[in-house]
Amino acid sequence: MGAVLVTGCRLTENGSDCHYNYANQYTAKRFKLWQRKWERRRVAPERFQLQWISASEGKEFAAKMREMHEAVEEYLFARAEVEPDE
């Protein structure tokens, strides 16, 4: 049980801050498709996220990783309360 964080160079209305512009646009479209798929399977949206982060944003990346870790911990804690002991 875990989570998925899809990342890429920062993507803005005017493009991206790196040379993977088309890959970022493709990723954004594909992410929306996968997001709908996981929602139908009742996967909590906080367990499947997309974040645009530039290479110079180490603190932001670390904060996002902490957020994802907390989402997994909350999911596991809630699941442990629901499942009976074996």
N, C-alpha and C. Protein backbone atom coordinates (compact mmCIF):
# COMPACT_ATOMS: atom_id res chain seq x y z
N MET A 1 0.84 -1.16 0.00
CA MET A 1 0.00 0.00 0.00
C MET A 1 0.89 1.23 0.00
N GLY A 2 0.61 2.13 -0.89
CA GLY A 2 1.44 3.31 -0.97
C GLY A 2 0.76 4.42 -1.74
N ALA A 3 1.58 5.22 -2.37
CA ALA A 3 1.10 6.35 -3.12
C ALA A 3 2.01 6.56 -4.33
N VAL A 4 1.51 7.32 -5.29
CA VAL A 4 2.28 7.65 -6.48
C VAL A 4 2.35 9.16 -6.62
N LEU A 5 3.56 9.66 -6.79
CA LEU A 5 3.78 11.08 -7.06
C LEU A 5 4.44 11.18 -8.42
N VAL A 6 3.74 11.80 -9.37
CA VAL A 6 4.29 12.05 -10.70
C VAL A 6 4.85 13.46 -10.67
N THR A 7 6.11 13.61 -11.07
CA THR A 7 6.73 14.93 -11.05
C THR A 7 7.32 15.26 -12.41
N GLY A 8 7.58 16.53 -12.61
CA GLY A 8 8.23 17.01 -13.83
C GLY A 8 8.63 18.45 -13.62
N CYS A 9 9.32 18.99 -14.62
CA CYS A 9 9.72 20.40 -14.55
C CYS A 9 8.48 21.26 -14.43
N ARG A 10 8.65 22.40 -13.82
CA ARG A 10 7.53 23.31 -13.61
C ARG A 10 6.83 23.61 -14.94
N LEU A 11 5.52 23.45 -14.95
CA LEU A 11 4.69 23.68 -16.13
C LEU A 11 3.80 24.88 -15.87
N THR A 12 3.83 25.85 -16.77
CA THR A 12 3.03 27.06 -16.62
C THR A 12 2.14 27.25 -17.84
N GLU A 13 1.33 28.29 -17.82
CA GLU A 13 0.46 28.61 -18.95
C GLU A 13 1.29 28.87 -20.22
N ASN A 14 2.49 29.41 -20.03
CA ASN A 14 3.35 29.76 -21.17
C ASN A 14 4.33 28.65 -21.55
N GLY A 15 4.20 27.51 -20.96
CA GLY A 15 5.12 26.41 -21.25
C GLY A 15 5.79 25.93 -19.99
N SER A 16 7.01 25.47 -20.16
CA SER A 16 7.74 24.87 -19.05
C SER A 16 9.08 25.58 -18.88
N ASP A 17 9.69 25.38 -17.72
CA ASP A 17 11.00 25.98 -17.50
C ASP A 17 12.13 25.00 -17.87
N CYS A 18 11.82 23.98 -18.66
CA CYS A 18 12.87 23.06 -19.12
C CYS A 18 12.57 22.65 -20.56
N HIS A 19 13.43 21.85 -21.14
CA HIS A 19 13.27 21.49 -22.55
C HIS A 19 12.38 20.27 -22.77
N TYR A 20 11.72 19.77 -21.73
CA TYR A 20 10.80 18.63 -21.86
C TYR A 20 9.36 19.11 -21.97
N ASN A 21 9.13 20.21 -22.64
CA ASN A 21 7.82 20.84 -22.70
C ASN A 21 6.74 19.88 -23.21
N TYR A 22 6.99 19.20 -24.31
CA TYR A 22 5.97 18.31 -24.86
C TYR A 22 5.72 17.11 -23.95
N ALA A 23 6.77 16.61 -23.33
CA ALA A 23 6.60 15.50 -22.39
C ALA A 23 5.75 15.93 -21.20
N ASN A 24 5.93 17.13 -20.73
CA ASN A 24 5.13 17.63 -19.62
C ASN A 24 3.66 17.76 -20.01
N GLN A 25 3.40 18.26 -21.20
CA GLN A 25 2.02 18.40 -21.66
C GLN A 25 1.38 17.02 -21.80
N TYR A 26 2.11 16.07 -22.34
CA TYR A 26 1.61 14.70 -22.48
C TYR A 26 1.34 14.09 -21.10
N THR A 27 2.26 14.32 -20.17
CA THR A 27 2.10 13.79 -18.81
C THR A 27 0.85 14.38 -18.16
N ALA A 28 0.61 15.66 -18.32
CA ALA A 28 -0.57 16.28 -17.73
C ALA A 28 -1.86 15.65 -18.26
N LYS A 29 -1.90 15.39 -19.56
CA LYS A 29 -3.09 14.75 -20.15
C LYS A 29 -3.25 13.32 -19.64
N ARG A 30 -2.17 12.57 -19.64
CA ARG A 30 -2.23 11.19 -19.19
C ARG A 30 -2.58 11.11 -17.70
N PHE A 31 -2.09 12.04 -16.92
CA PHE A 31 -2.38 12.05 -15.49
C PHE A 31 -3.88 12.19 -15.25
N LYS A 32 -4.52 13.06 -16.01
CA LYS A 32 -5.97 13.24 -15.86
C LYS A 32 -6.72 11.94 -16.15
N LEU A 33 -6.28 11.22 -17.18
CA LEU A 33 -6.91 9.94 -17.50
C LEU A 33 -6.73 8.93 -16.37
N TRP A 34 -5.51 8.82 -15.86
CA TRP A 34 -5.23 7.89 -14.77
C TRP A 34 -5.95 8.31 -13.49
N GLN A 35 -6.05 9.60 -13.26
CA GLN A 35 -6.73 10.10 -12.07
C GLN A 35 -8.20 9.67 -12.07
N ARG A 36 -8.85 9.80 -13.21
CA ARG A 36 -10.25 9.35 -13.30
C ARG A 36 -10.36 7.84 -13.08
N LYS A 37 -9.41 7.10 -13.61
CA LYS A 37 -9.41 5.64 -13.44
C LYS A 37 -9.30 5.28 -11.96
N TRP A 38 -8.37 5.92 -11.26
CA TRP A 38 -8.18 5.60 -9.83
C TRP A 38 -9.36 6.08 -8.99
N GLU A 39 -9.97 7.19 -9.38
CA GLU A 39 -11.16 7.65 -8.66
C GLU A 39 -12.29 6.63 -8.77
N ARG A 40 -12.47 6.06 -9.95
CA ARG A 40 -13.51 5.03 -10.13
C ARG A 40 -13.23 3.80 -9.27
N ARG A 41 -11.97 3.54 -9.01
CA ARG A 41 -11.60 2.41 -8.15
C ARG A 41 -11.50 2.80 -6.68
N ARG A 42 -11.96 4.00 -6.39
CA ARG A 42 -12.02 4.54 -5.03
C ARG A 42 -10.64 4.69 -4.37
N VAL A 43 -9.65 5.00 -5.17
CA VAL A 43 -8.32 5.33 -4.62
C VAL A 43 -8.36 6.81 -4.25
N ALA A 44 -8.02 7.11 -3.02
CA ALA A 44 -8.06 8.49 -2.54
C ALA A 44 -7.14 9.38 -3.39
N PRO A 45 -7.61 10.56 -3.79
CA PRO A 45 -6.80 11.42 -4.65
C PRO A 45 -5.46 11.84 -4.04
N GLU A 46 -5.39 11.88 -2.71
CA GLU A 46 -4.11 12.25 -2.08
C GLU A 46 -3.06 11.15 -2.23
N ARG A 47 -3.47 9.97 -2.69
CA ARG A 47 -2.50 8.89 -2.91
C ARG A 47 -2.00 8.85 -4.36
N PHE A 48 -2.51 9.72 -5.21
CA PHE A 48 -2.08 9.80 -6.61
C PHE A 48 -2.05 11.26 -7.00
N GLN A 49 -0.84 11.83 -7.05
CA GLN A 49 -0.73 13.27 -7.25
C GLN A 49 0.29 13.61 -8.34
N LEU A 50 0.12 14.79 -8.89
CA LEU A 50 1.02 15.36 -9.88
C LEU A 50 1.56 16.66 -9.33
N GLN A 51 2.88 16.84 -9.40
CA GLN A 51 3.50 18.06 -8.88
C GLN A 51 4.59 18.50 -9.84
N TRP A 52 4.51 19.74 -10.30
CA TRP A 52 5.56 20.31 -11.14
C TRP A 52 6.56 20.99 -10.23
N ILE A 53 7.80 20.53 -10.25
CA ILE A 53 8.85 21.05 -9.37
C ILE A 53 10.11 21.22 -10.19
N SER A 54 10.74 22.38 -10.11
CA SER A 54 12.00 22.57 -10.83
C SER A 54 13.15 22.01 -10.00
N ALA A 55 14.27 21.81 -10.64
CA ALA A 55 15.44 21.21 -9.98
C ALA A 55 15.95 22.08 -8.83
N SER A 56 15.66 23.36 -8.85
CA SER A 56 16.14 24.26 -7.80
C SER A 56 15.22 24.32 -6.59
N GLU A 57 14.14 23.56 -6.59
CA GLU A 57 13.15 23.64 -5.51
C GLU A 57 13.23 22.43 -4.58
N GLY A 58 14.40 22.23 -4.01
CA GLY A 58 14.60 21.08 -3.13
C GLY A 58 13.70 21.09 -1.90
N LYS A 59 13.50 22.26 -1.30
CA LYS A 59 12.65 22.35 -0.11
C LYS A 59 11.20 22.01 -0.45
N GLU A 60 10.73 22.48 -1.59
CA GLU A 60 9.36 22.19 -2.01
C GLU A 60 9.19 20.69 -2.27
N PHE A 61 10.22 20.08 -2.89
CA PHE A 61 10.15 18.65 -3.15
C PHE A 61 10.11 17.87 -1.84
N ALA A 62 10.95 18.25 -0.89
CA ALA A 62 10.97 17.58 0.41
C ALA A 62 9.62 17.73 1.12
N ALA A 63 9.03 18.90 1.05
CA ALA A 63 7.71 19.12 1.67
C ALA A 63 6.66 18.24 1.01
N LYS A 64 6.72 18.11 -0.31
CA LYS A 64 5.75 17.27 -1.01
C LYS A 64 5.94 15.81 -0.63
N MET A 65 7.17 15.37 -0.48
CA MET A 65 7.43 13.99 -0.08
C MET A 65 6.90 13.73 1.33
N ARG A 66 7.05 14.70 2.25
CA ARG A 66 6.49 14.55 3.59
C ARG A 66 4.96 14.45 3.51
N GLU A 67 4.35 15.28 2.66
CA GLU A 67 2.90 15.25 2.49
C GLU A 67 2.44 13.87 1.98
N MET A 68 3.16 13.33 1.02
CA MET A 68 2.80 12.01 0.49
C MET A 68 2.98 10.93 1.55
N HIS A 69 4.04 11.03 2.32
CA HIS A 69 4.28 10.07 3.41
C HIS A 69 3.13 10.10 4.42
N GLU A 70 2.70 11.30 4.78
CA GLU A 70 1.58 11.44 5.72
C GLU A 70 0.29 10.86 5.14
N ALA A 71 0.07 11.04 3.84
CA ALA A 71 -1.12 10.49 3.20
C ALA A 71 -1.12 8.96 3.28
N VAL A 72 0.03 8.36 3.07
CA VAL A 72 0.13 6.89 3.16
C VAL A 72 -0.08 6.44 4.59
N GLU A 73 0.53 7.13 5.55
CA GLU A 73 0.34 6.77 6.96
C GLU A 73 -1.13 6.86 7.36
N GLU A 74 -1.81 7.93 6.96
CA GLU A 74 -3.23 8.08 7.28
C GLU A 74 -4.05 6.96 6.67
N TYR A 75 -3.74 6.62 5.42
CA TYR A 75 -4.46 5.53 4.75
C TYR A 75 -4.26 4.21 5.48
N LEU A 76 -3.01 3.91 5.84
CA LEU A 76 -2.72 2.65 6.53
C LEU A 76 -3.37 2.62 7.91
N PHE A 77 -3.36 3.75 8.61
CA PHE A 77 -3.97 3.82 9.93
C PHE A 77 -5.49 3.59 9.82
N ALA A 78 -6.13 4.25 8.84
CA ALA A 78 -7.57 4.08 8.66
C ALA A 78 -7.90 2.65 8.27
N ARG A 79 -7.08 2.07 7.45
CA ARG A 79 -7.31 0.68 7.01
C ARG A 79 -7.15 -0.29 8.17
N ALA A 80 -6.18 -0.04 9.04
CA ALA A 80 -5.95 -0.91 10.19
C ALA A 80 -7.14 -0.87 11.15
N GLU A 81 -7.80 0.28 11.25
CA GLU A 81 -8.97 0.39 12.13
C GLU A 81 -10.16 -0.36 11.60
N VAL A 82 -10.25 -0.50 10.28
CA VAL A 82 -11.40 -1.14 9.65
C VAL A 82 -11.24 -2.65 9.57
N GLU A 83 -10.04 -3.12 9.29
CA GLU A 83 -9.81 -4.55 9.12
C GLU A 83 -9.75 -5.26 10.47
N PRO A 84 -10.41 -6.40 10.59
CA PRO A 84 -10.32 -7.16 11.84
C PRO A 84 -8.95 -7.84 11.97
N ASP A 85 -8.55 -8.06 13.21
CA ASP A 85 -7.28 -8.77 13.45
C ASP A 85 -7.44 -10.22 13.04
N GLU A 86 -6.36 -10.75 12.50
CA GLU A 86 -6.40 -12.16 12.08
C GLU A 86 -5.84 -13.06 13.14
